[in-house]
């Protein structure tokens, strides 16, 4: 793990110093071989947490690529290879030096490094008032949640849960910032236990030191952490926890009504949509421009990610979500600028849309699935109808797992979740005719920068560079 943490070191300093008000902190220079000094003020703590959000919104992570991975390896969207994007991902032909495997890995562990600096800060030693230390403790809770998110994302991409030829390996899990450390990959079980522990600690610290009703949707709150926990526990198959978390969030937000559905994805609704639980702030000044997810989805951009005909056919005629899909040039797009506002999802022309990390509808769908697995069929139907009745459809008289799976596809289309749904359901994912058939390649390669280090204990995933 030595090299990747060093790579992230300079960017940690840049992200922090651009926000901090502490002169001695601003003037400190960060080089690859310099150890990070302990944080001394609440400003510094907050800066590192904000730096974590900055890492997440990068093109190689939630800004575009991580979202696309969940779509091009699924049954609902493909890459048409325009501009060459995602060809190796969709065809399962990556090598361990592939830029997608390397760049996303780097951004995930950059987030881990920033979170670890905050997690290992002695809050009692933070200068200032008791209020400053309380704020820092809340931020430390956010850091635990950020690390949980990073480990969960790394596990899904690089862990061996969905390959037959592995050793049940998870990921490397550094729990403190140490650029000289080397460590092996944990098992899948150990990785999931650490994610669980980090989320649990985040809730403990944030509940005791913050306002759970915090309306700021562009930073983690108690509500958004619980929603993201429901995503993780659904993936893990812990339906009892998903049921509890869904119940905790029930009624705290509202499903976007049909008339507002398009608006909830537009730049004008950043942070204001009633169904939004967590977003990554972008905006004009920090626009991802040609590196944005919108550019991959839009025929006026790279026109790379397109919806399958079978996916569009799954929508009923009266389903307002059909309007998200635009047919142009014989292909179906989720983003199209036919007027000033655009239609579809992620339509803001320069990629300034906030990145939608978690919506209330996803939490309800998580709850439906959990209730159908050992819970209440009545409650499952209640959650289900809250969505379908706001999509121009009549209330259902019953819901089962087949209906739930179809509804997840229709509601969450293009939001980066489909691959992981199919894999946890055990549904075989069709591959292009040109793709490798090696099922070991379901996991991304561990970057060569990790496995080629002298004396490294990090093991490769099978099927690569042989």
Protein backbone atom coordinates (compact mmCIF):
# COMPACT_ATOMS: atom_id res chain seq x y z
CA UNK A 1 0.00 0.00 0.00
CA UNK A 2 3.10 2.14 0.10
CA UNK A 3 3.02 3.82 -3.27
CA UNK A 4 -0.63 4.74 -3.52
CA UNK A 5 -0.68 6.60 -0.21
CA UNK A 6 2.34 8.62 -1.29
CA UNK A 7 0.59 9.55 -4.52
CA UNK A 8 -2.32 10.94 -2.58
CA UNK A 9 -0.21 12.96 -0.16
CA UNK A 10 0.28 16.12 -2.20
CA UNK A 11 -3.41 16.32 -3.10
CA UNK A 12 -4.33 16.01 0.57
CA UNK A 13 -2.29 19.10 1.29
CA UNK A 14 -3.76 21.02 -1.63
CA UNK A 15 -7.34 20.19 -0.70
CA UNK A 16 -6.79 21.13 2.91
CA UNK A 17 -4.80 24.31 2.42
CA UNK A 18 -7.27 25.75 -0.06
CA UNK A 19 -9.87 25.94 2.71
CA UNK A 20 -8.00 26.24 5.96
CA UNK A 21 -7.74 29.52 7.86
CA UNK A 22 -4.71 28.49 9.90
CA UNK A 23 -1.59 30.35 8.70
CA UNK A 24 0.88 27.75 9.91
CA UNK A 25 -1.17 25.03 8.18
CA UNK A 26 -1.54 26.98 4.93
CA UNK A 27 2.19 27.62 4.71
CA UNK A 28 3.13 24.01 5.32
CA UNK A 29 4.46 22.29 2.21
CA UNK A 30 3.52 18.68 1.54
CA UNK A 31 5.95 16.50 -0.36
CA UNK A 32 5.80 12.78 -1.00
CA UNK A 33 8.27 11.85 1.72
CA UNK A 34 6.98 14.24 4.40
CA UNK A 35 4.83 12.77 7.17
CA UNK A 36 1.49 14.43 7.77
CA UNK A 37 1.60 16.50 10.97
CA UNK A 38 -1.22 16.13 13.50
CA UNK A 39 -4.21 18.37 12.89
CA UNK A 40 -4.50 21.17 15.43
CA UNK A 41 -7.66 23.12 14.65
CA UNK A 42 -11.25 22.50 13.66
CA UNK A 43 -10.57 24.33 10.39
CA UNK A 44 -7.93 21.76 9.52
CA UNK A 45 -10.22 18.85 10.42
CA UNK A 46 -13.06 20.28 8.32
CA UNK A 47 -10.67 20.90 5.43
CA UNK A 48 -9.64 17.25 5.27
CA UNK A 49 -13.27 16.10 5.27
CA UNK A 50 -14.04 18.51 2.43
CA UNK A 51 -10.96 17.21 0.68
CA UNK A 52 -12.52 13.75 0.90
CA UNK A 53 -15.61 14.96 -0.92
CA UNK A 54 -13.34 16.50 -3.54
CA UNK A 55 -11.68 13.12 -4.13
CA UNK A 56 -15.07 11.46 -4.54
CA UNK A 57 -16.27 13.85 -7.24
CA UNK A 58 -13.23 13.25 -9.49
CA UNK A 59 -13.87 11.90 -12.99
CA UNK A 60 -12.18 8.61 -12.10
CA UNK A 61 -14.55 8.12 -9.18
CA UNK A 62 -18.16 9.34 -8.75
CA UNK A 63 -17.68 12.16 -11.25
CA UNK A 64 -18.07 9.64 -14.08
CA UNK A 65 -16.14 6.37 -14.17
CA UNK A 66 -17.36 4.54 -11.07
CA UNK A 67 -20.95 5.28 -12.13
CA UNK A 68 -20.25 3.97 -15.63
CA UNK A 69 -18.76 0.71 -14.35
CA UNK A 70 -22.09 -0.14 -12.76
CA UNK A 71 -23.86 0.38 -16.09
CA UNK A 72 -21.64 -0.98 -18.88
CA UNK A 73 -21.32 -4.29 -17.03
CA UNK A 74 -25.08 -4.75 -16.74
CA UNK A 75 -28.18 -5.47 -18.78
CA UNK A 76 -29.50 -1.92 -18.99
CA UNK A 77 -26.79 0.14 -20.72
CA UNK A 78 -23.74 -0.37 -22.90
CA UNK A 79 -20.77 1.63 -24.06
CA UNK A 80 -20.97 2.20 -27.81
CA UNK A 81 -17.20 2.84 -27.60
CA UNK A 82 -17.52 6.42 -28.83
CA UNK A 83 -14.30 8.14 -27.90
CA UNK A 84 -12.94 4.77 -26.78
CA UNK A 85 -14.49 5.04 -23.33
CA UNK A 86 -14.95 1.86 -21.27
CA UNK A 87 -14.06 -0.59 -24.04
CA UNK A 88 -11.76 -2.66 -21.82
CA UNK A 89 -14.23 -2.50 -18.93
CA UNK A 90 -17.18 -3.74 -20.97
CA UNK A 91 -15.12 -6.38 -22.79
CA UNK A 92 -13.37 -7.62 -19.63
CA UNK A 93 -10.00 -7.09 -21.30
CA UNK A 94 -8.26 -4.84 -18.78
CA UNK A 95 -4.67 -5.36 -17.69
CA UNK A 96 -3.29 -4.35 -14.31
CA UNK A 97 -1.96 -1.09 -15.74
CA UNK A 98 -5.29 -0.14 -17.32
CA UNK A 99 -6.09 3.48 -16.53
CA UNK A 100 -9.59 2.70 -15.25
CA UNK A 101 -8.32 0.16 -12.73
CA UNK A 102 -5.42 2.40 -11.70
CA UNK A 103 -7.08 5.82 -11.62
CA UNK A 104 -10.16 4.71 -9.69
CA UNK A 105 -8.01 2.75 -7.22
CA UNK A 106 -5.89 5.85 -6.65
CA UNK A 107 -8.90 8.08 -5.99
CA UNK A 108 -10.50 5.58 -3.62
CA UNK A 109 -7.34 5.28 -1.55
CA UNK A 110 -6.75 9.02 -1.70
CA UNK A 111 -10.14 9.28 0.04
CA UNK A 112 -9.06 6.65 2.57
CA UNK A 113 -5.87 8.57 3.30
CA UNK A 114 -7.72 11.84 3.94
CA UNK A 115 -10.29 10.10 6.11
CA UNK A 116 -7.55 8.38 8.12
CA UNK A 117 -5.86 11.67 8.94
CA UNK A 118 -9.10 12.86 10.56
CA UNK A 119 -9.97 9.51 12.16
CA UNK A 120 -6.60 9.36 13.92
CA UNK A 121 -6.71 12.95 15.12
CA UNK A 122 -6.79 13.42 18.90
CA UNK A 123 -9.89 15.59 19.14
CA UNK A 124 -9.15 16.42 22.77
CA UNK A 125 -6.04 18.22 21.52
CA UNK A 126 -7.90 20.41 19.03
CA UNK A 127 -7.30 24.07 19.83
CA UNK A 128 -10.18 26.42 20.50
CA UNK A 129 -13.51 26.07 22.30
CA UNK A 130 -15.58 23.08 23.33
CA UNK A 131 -17.83 23.89 20.36
CA UNK A 132 -14.82 23.58 18.06
CA UNK A 133 -14.02 20.16 19.48
CA UNK A 134 -17.65 19.08 19.17
CA UNK A 135 -17.65 20.13 15.51
CA UNK A 136 -14.40 18.25 14.98
CA UNK A 137 -15.87 15.13 16.56
CA UNK A 138 -18.83 15.32 14.20
CA UNK A 139 -16.40 15.71 11.30
CA UNK A 140 -14.49 12.69 12.58
CA UNK A 141 -17.76 10.76 12.36
CA UNK A 142 -18.09 11.90 8.76
CA UNK A 143 -14.55 10.66 8.13
CA UNK A 144 -15.46 7.21 9.42
CA UNK A 145 -18.40 7.18 6.99
CA UNK A 146 -16.18 8.33 4.13
CA UNK A 147 -13.74 5.50 4.85
CA UNK A 148 -16.62 3.02 4.95
CA UNK A 149 -17.82 4.26 1.56
CA UNK A 150 -14.31 3.98 0.11
CA UNK A 151 -13.76 0.46 1.44
CA UNK A 152 -17.20 -0.62 0.18
CA UNK A 153 -16.50 0.77 -3.29
CA UNK A 154 -13.06 -0.84 -3.40
CA UNK A 155 -14.51 -4.17 -2.25
CA UNK A 156 -17.12 -4.17 -5.02
CA UNK A 157 -14.58 -3.38 -7.73
CA UNK A 158 -11.46 -5.22 -6.60
CA UNK A 159 -12.69 -7.84 -4.13
CA UNK A 160 -13.11 -11.49 -5.08
CA UNK A 161 -16.71 -11.98 -3.98
CA UNK A 162 -17.99 -12.61 -7.50
CA UNK A 163 -15.22 -14.72 -8.97
CA UNK A 164 -14.73 -18.46 -8.67
CA UNK A 165 -10.96 -18.66 -8.95
CA UNK A 166 -9.93 -16.41 -6.10
CA UNK A 167 -8.99 -16.86 -2.47
CA UNK A 168 -11.92 -14.92 -0.94
CA UNK A 169 -9.73 -11.85 -0.75
CA UNK A 170 -11.14 -8.43 -0.09
CA UNK A 171 -8.98 -5.33 -0.20
CA UNK A 172 -6.09 -3.59 1.49
CA UNK A 173 -7.46 -1.67 4.48
CA UNK A 174 -5.09 0.93 5.95
CA UNK A 175 -6.61 2.23 9.19
CA UNK A 176 -4.14 5.04 9.74
CA UNK A 177 -2.20 7.38 7.53
CA UNK A 178 1.25 5.87 7.05
CA UNK A 179 2.90 6.37 3.64
CA UNK A 180 5.59 3.79 4.47
CA UNK A 181 3.23 0.99 5.46
CA UNK A 182 2.82 -2.19 3.46
CA UNK A 183 0.03 -4.62 4.24
CA UNK A 184 -1.76 -7.57 2.65
CA UNK A 185 -5.33 -7.73 1.45
CA UNK A 186 -7.89 -8.61 4.10
CA UNK A 187 -10.46 -11.32 3.50
CA UNK A 188 -13.93 -10.43 2.26
CA UNK A 189 -15.35 -11.15 5.72
CA UNK A 190 -12.77 -8.92 7.40
CA UNK A 191 -13.42 -6.14 4.89
CA UNK A 192 -17.18 -6.26 5.42
CA UNK A 193 -16.68 -6.28 9.20
CA UNK A 194 -14.53 -3.14 8.98
CA UNK A 195 -17.08 -1.36 6.80
CA UNK A 196 -19.74 -2.27 9.35
CA UNK A 197 -17.57 -0.99 12.20
CA UNK A 198 -16.79 2.28 10.41
CA UNK A 199 -20.43 3.02 9.62
CA UNK A 200 -21.42 2.18 13.20
CA UNK A 201 -18.74 4.49 14.62
CA UNK A 202 -19.80 7.25 12.24
CA UNK A 203 -23.37 7.13 13.51
CA UNK A 204 -22.21 7.07 17.13
CA UNK A 205 -20.02 10.18 16.77
CA UNK A 206 -22.38 12.13 14.53
CA UNK A 207 -25.48 11.44 16.63
CA UNK A 208 -23.77 12.55 19.82
CA UNK A 209 -22.16 15.66 18.34
CA UNK A 210 -24.44 17.01 15.63
CA UNK A 211 -27.96 17.72 14.52
CA UNK A 212 -29.52 14.72 12.73
CA UNK A 213 -31.90 17.11 10.99
CA UNK A 214 -29.01 18.90 9.25
CA UNK A 215 -30.50 20.07 5.96
CA UNK A 216 -27.16 20.39 4.15
CA UNK A 217 -27.37 17.66 1.54
CA UNK A 218 -23.87 18.20 0.19
CA UNK A 219 -22.16 16.75 3.23
CA UNK A 220 -22.80 13.58 5.17
CA UNK A 221 -25.49 13.70 7.84
CA UNK A 222 -26.88 11.05 10.18
CA UNK A 223 -29.68 10.48 7.68
CA UNK A 224 -27.43 10.12 4.64
CA UNK A 225 -25.05 7.79 6.47
CA UNK A 226 -28.00 5.58 7.43
CA UNK A 227 -29.16 5.56 3.83
CA UNK A 228 -25.73 4.53 2.58
CA UNK A 229 -25.60 1.88 5.28
CA UNK A 230 -28.85 0.44 3.89
CA UNK A 231 -27.11 0.12 0.50
CA UNK A 232 -24.19 -1.74 2.06
CA UNK A 233 -26.30 -4.08 4.18
CA UNK A 234 -28.52 -4.87 1.20
CA UNK A 235 -25.38 -5.84 -0.73
CA UNK A 236 -24.27 -7.92 2.25
CA UNK A 237 -27.69 -9.59 2.62
CA UNK A 238 -28.37 -8.30 6.14
CA UNK A 239 -32.06 -7.62 5.54
CA UNK A 240 -32.92 -7.04 9.20
CA UNK A 241 -30.58 -4.04 9.32
CA UNK A 242 -31.94 -2.71 6.05
CA UNK A 243 -35.48 -2.90 7.44
CA UNK A 244 -34.46 -0.94 10.54
CA UNK A 245 -32.60 1.73 8.57
CA UNK A 246 -35.45 2.18 6.09
CA UNK A 247 -37.88 2.58 8.96
CA UNK A 248 -35.57 5.21 10.51
CA UNK A 249 -35.64 7.27 7.30
CA UNK A 250 -39.28 6.70 6.40
CA UNK A 251 -41.14 10.02 6.16
CA UNK A 252 -37.98 12.10 6.62
CA UNK A 253 -37.91 12.79 2.87
CA UNK A 254 -40.47 12.49 0.08
CA UNK A 255 -40.61 10.74 -3.26
CA UNK A 256 -40.23 13.17 -6.15
CA UNK A 257 -43.69 13.62 -7.71
CA UNK A 258 -44.13 13.01 -11.43
CA UNK A 259 -44.28 16.73 -12.19
CA UNK A 260 -40.95 17.33 -10.45
CA UNK A 261 -39.11 14.20 -11.49
CA UNK A 262 -37.11 15.84 -14.25
CA UNK A 263 -36.30 18.85 -12.10
CA UNK A 264 -34.75 16.73 -9.35
CA UNK A 265 -31.80 15.93 -11.61
CA UNK A 266 -31.26 19.43 -12.94
CA UNK A 267 -28.64 21.91 -11.87
CA UNK A 268 -31.36 24.28 -10.66
CA UNK A 269 -32.39 21.75 -8.00
CA UNK A 270 -28.93 21.19 -6.56
CA UNK A 271 -29.39 20.56 -2.84
CA UNK A 272 -33.10 21.42 -2.96
CA UNK A 273 -34.83 18.32 -4.30
CA UNK A 274 -37.24 16.78 -1.76
CA UNK A 275 -36.03 13.26 -2.57
CA UNK A 276 -32.32 14.04 -2.33
CA UNK A 277 -30.51 12.68 0.71
CA UNK A 278 -26.86 13.13 -0.27
CA UNK A 279 -25.16 14.92 -3.16
CA UNK A 280 -21.58 15.83 -3.97
CA UNK A 281 -21.40 19.56 -4.61
CA UNK A 282 -20.02 20.54 -8.00
CA UNK A 283 -21.29 23.86 -9.39
CA UNK A 284 -20.00 26.09 -12.16
CA UNK A 285 -16.64 26.90 -10.55
CA UNK A 286 -15.83 23.23 -9.98
CA UNK A 287 -17.50 21.91 -13.12
CA UNK A 288 -16.16 18.61 -14.39
CA UNK A 289 -16.85 19.80 -17.95
CA UNK A 290 -15.73 17.15 -20.47
CA UNK A 291 -14.79 14.84 -17.60
CA UNK A 292 -18.35 14.70 -16.28
CA UNK A 293 -20.76 11.78 -16.35
CA UNK A 294 -23.11 13.99 -18.39
CA UNK A 295 -20.56 14.03 -21.21
CA UNK A 296 -20.65 10.23 -21.40
CA UNK A 297 -24.48 10.18 -21.48
CA UNK A 298 -25.26 13.02 -23.87
CA UNK A 299 -25.27 12.87 -27.70
CA UNK A 300 -23.92 16.43 -27.68
CA UNK A 301 -21.02 15.21 -25.54
CA UNK A 302 -19.09 11.98 -26.02
CA UNK A 303 -22.35 10.09 -26.68
CA UNK A 304 -20.77 7.00 -25.16
CA UNK A 305 -23.25 5.45 -22.70
CA UNK A 306 -26.53 4.36 -24.29
CA UNK A 307 -29.65 2.63 -23.01
CA UNK A 308 -30.51 -0.82 -24.35
CA UNK A 309 -33.74 -1.14 -26.35
CA UNK A 310 -34.95 -3.83 -23.94
CA UNK A 311 -34.54 -1.43 -21.04
CA UNK A 312 -36.68 1.24 -22.67
CA UNK A 313 -39.30 -1.37 -23.56
CA UNK A 314 -39.68 -2.25 -19.85
CA UNK A 315 -41.43 1.07 -19.11
CA UNK A 316 -45.20 1.32 -19.34
CA UNK A 317 -46.56 3.93 -21.74
CA UNK A 318 -47.78 6.16 -18.89
CA UNK A 319 -44.56 5.89 -16.90
CA UNK A 320 -43.11 9.40 -16.74
CA UNK A 321 -39.61 7.96 -16.45
CA UNK A 322 -39.77 7.12 -20.17
CA UNK A 323 -39.15 10.83 -20.73
CA UNK A 324 -35.64 10.41 -19.38
CA UNK A 325 -34.74 8.37 -22.48
CA UNK A 326 -34.32 10.21 -25.79
CA UNK A 327 -33.94 8.44 -29.13
CA UNK A 328 -31.54 10.26 -31.41
CA UNK A 329 -29.40 8.94 -34.22
CA UNK A 330 -30.82 5.49 -33.64
CA UNK A 331 -29.49 5.36 -30.06
CA UNK A 332 -31.12 5.93 -26.67
CA UNK A 333 -29.61 8.51 -24.35
CA UNK A 334 -30.29 9.48 -20.74
CA UNK A 335 -29.20 13.05 -21.28
CA UNK A 336 -30.14 15.36 -24.13
CA UNK A 337 -30.08 19.14 -24.62
CA UNK A 338 -33.19 19.77 -26.69
CA UNK A 339 -33.83 23.09 -24.96
CA UNK A 340 -32.34 25.34 -22.30
CA UNK A 341 -33.09 22.92 -19.49
CA UNK A 342 -32.43 19.65 -21.27
CA UNK A 343 -34.21 16.37 -20.74
CA UNK A 344 -33.11 13.18 -19.03
CA UNK A 345 -30.71 12.82 -16.13
CA UNK A 346 -27.50 14.83 -15.62
CA UNK A 347 -28.39 17.45 -18.22
CA UNK A 348 -26.42 20.52 -17.17
CA UNK A 349 -24.31 21.43 -20.16
CA UNK A 350 -20.92 21.96 -18.53
CA UNK A 351 -21.21 19.11 -16.01
CA UNK A 352 -22.04 21.37 -13.06
CA UNK A 353 -24.87 19.18 -11.76
CA UNK A 354 -24.37 18.02 -8.22
CA UNK A 355 -23.57 14.31 -8.23
CA UNK A 356 -26.59 12.43 -6.90
CA UNK A 357 -25.18 9.97 -4.37
CA UNK A 358 -28.37 8.85 -2.62
CA UNK A 359 -32.09 9.37 -3.24
CA UNK A 360 -35.05 8.53 -1.03
CA UNK A 361 -36.43 6.27 -3.74
CA UNK A 362 -33.39 4.00 -3.47
CA UNK A 363 -33.84 3.72 0.29
CA UNK A 364 -37.49 2.75 -0.19
CA UNK A 365 -36.55 0.13 -2.78
CA UNK A 366 -33.94 -1.22 -0.38
CA UNK A 367 -36.74 -1.45 2.17
CA UNK A 368 -39.05 -3.26 -0.25
CA UNK A 369 -36.44 -5.93 -0.90
CA UNK A 370 -35.62 -6.30 2.78
CA UNK A 371 -39.28 -6.60 3.78
CA UNK A 372 -39.79 -9.28 1.10
CA UNK A 373 -36.92 -11.19 2.68
CA UNK A 374 -38.26 -11.99 6.12
CA UNK A 375 -40.26 -8.85 6.87
CA UNK A 376 -43.73 -7.49 6.23
CA UNK A 377 -45.36 -7.87 2.80
CA UNK A 378 -47.72 -5.05 3.74
CA UNK A 379 -44.88 -2.66 4.46
CA UNK A 380 -43.09 -3.73 1.28
CA UNK A 381 -46.19 -2.84 -0.75
CA UNK A 382 -46.50 0.51 1.03
CA UNK A 383 -42.92 1.46 0.12
CA UNK A 384 -43.37 0.19 -3.44
CA UNK A 385 -46.56 2.13 -4.09
CA UNK A 386 -45.03 5.37 -2.85
CA UNK A 387 -42.80 5.20 -5.89
CA UNK A 388 -45.04 3.80 -8.63
CA UNK A 389 -47.94 6.13 -7.83
CA UNK A 390 -45.59 9.08 -8.31
CA UNK A 391 -44.54 7.78 -11.71
CA UNK A 392 -47.93 8.00 -13.41
CA UNK A 393 -48.84 4.40 -12.61
CA UNK A 394 -51.72 2.92 -10.59
CA UNK A 395 -51.12 1.48 -7.15
CA UNK A 396 -50.15 -2.19 -7.19
CA UNK A 397 -52.16 -4.76 -5.28
CA UNK A 398 -49.09 -6.82 -4.46
CA UNK A 399 -45.33 -6.83 -4.90
CA UNK A 400 -42.87 -9.68 -5.17
CA UNK A 401 -39.14 -9.91 -5.81
CA UNK A 402 -39.57 -10.00 -9.60
CA UNK A 403 -41.52 -6.74 -9.53
CA UNK A 404 -38.99 -5.22 -7.14
CA UNK A 405 -36.07 -6.12 -9.40
CA UNK A 406 -37.76 -4.59 -12.43
CA UNK A 407 -38.66 -1.46 -10.46
CA UNK A 408 -35.06 -0.99 -9.31
CA UNK A 409 -33.96 -1.03 -12.94
CA UNK A 410 -36.61 1.49 -14.03
CA UNK A 411 -36.14 3.88 -11.11
CA UNK A 412 -32.35 3.75 -10.78
CA UNK A 413 -31.42 3.55 -14.46
CA UNK A 414 -28.02 5.09 -15.12
CA UNK A 415 -27.21 5.70 -11.46
CA UNK A 416 -24.35 3.19 -11.24
CA UNK A 417 -26.05 0.47 -9.21
CA UNK A 418 -27.24 -2.13 -11.71
CA UNK A 419 -24.10 -4.28 -11.98
CA UNK A 420 -24.00 -4.69 -8.20
CA UNK A 421 -27.70 -5.56 -8.04
CA UNK A 422 -27.31 -8.27 -10.65
CA UNK A 423 -24.24 -9.74 -9.01
CA UNK A 424 -25.74 -9.91 -5.53
CA UNK A 425 -28.88 -11.51 -6.99
CA UNK A 426 -26.73 -14.10 -8.75
CA UNK A 427 -27.98 -13.06 -12.19
CA UNK A 428 -25.57 -13.83 -15.01
CA UNK A 429 -24.52 -10.67 -16.85
CA UNK A 430 -24.47 -11.01 -20.61
CA UNK A 431 -21.18 -10.01 -22.22
CA UNK A 432 -20.54 -8.64 -25.71
CA UNK A 433 -19.53 -11.19 -28.34
CA UNK A 434 -16.03 -9.69 -28.31
CA UNK A 435 -15.63 -9.95 -24.53
CA UNK A 436 -13.54 -12.42 -22.56
CA UNK A 437 -15.56 -15.25 -21.04
CA UNK A 438 -13.22 -15.63 -18.06
CA UNK A 439 -15.41 -15.16 -14.96
CA UNK A 440 -12.34 -14.39 -12.83
CA UNK A 441 -12.32 -11.02 -14.58
CA UNK A 442 -15.52 -9.94 -12.84
CA UNK A 443 -13.13 -8.30 -10.37
CA UNK A 444 -11.00 -5.40 -11.54
CA UNK A 445 -7.23 -6.03 -11.58
CA UNK A 446 -5.21 -4.85 -8.60
CA UNK A 447 -2.98 -2.15 -10.12
CA UNK A 448 0.55 -3.25 -10.92
CA UNK A 449 1.86 -0.34 -8.86
CA UNK A 450 0.74 -2.32 -5.80
CA UNK A 451 1.73 -5.84 -6.77
CA UNK A 452 5.15 -4.97 -8.24
CA UNK A 453 6.52 -3.25 -5.14
CA UNK A 454 9.52 -5.09 -3.72
CA UNK A 455 8.41 -7.26 -0.82
CA UNK A 456 4.75 -6.39 -1.20
CA UNK A 457 2.26 -8.79 0.40
CA UNK A 458 -0.53 -7.59 -1.92
CA UNK A 459 -1.79 -10.43 -4.12
CA UNK A 460 -3.13 -9.97 -7.61
CA UNK A 461 -6.58 -11.03 -8.68
CA UNK A 462 -6.51 -14.17 -10.85
CA UNK A 463 -6.66 -13.91 -14.61
CA UNK A 464 -4.48 -10.86 -15.10
CA UNK A 465 -0.97 -10.50 -16.54
CA UNK A 466 -0.42 -14.26 -16.72
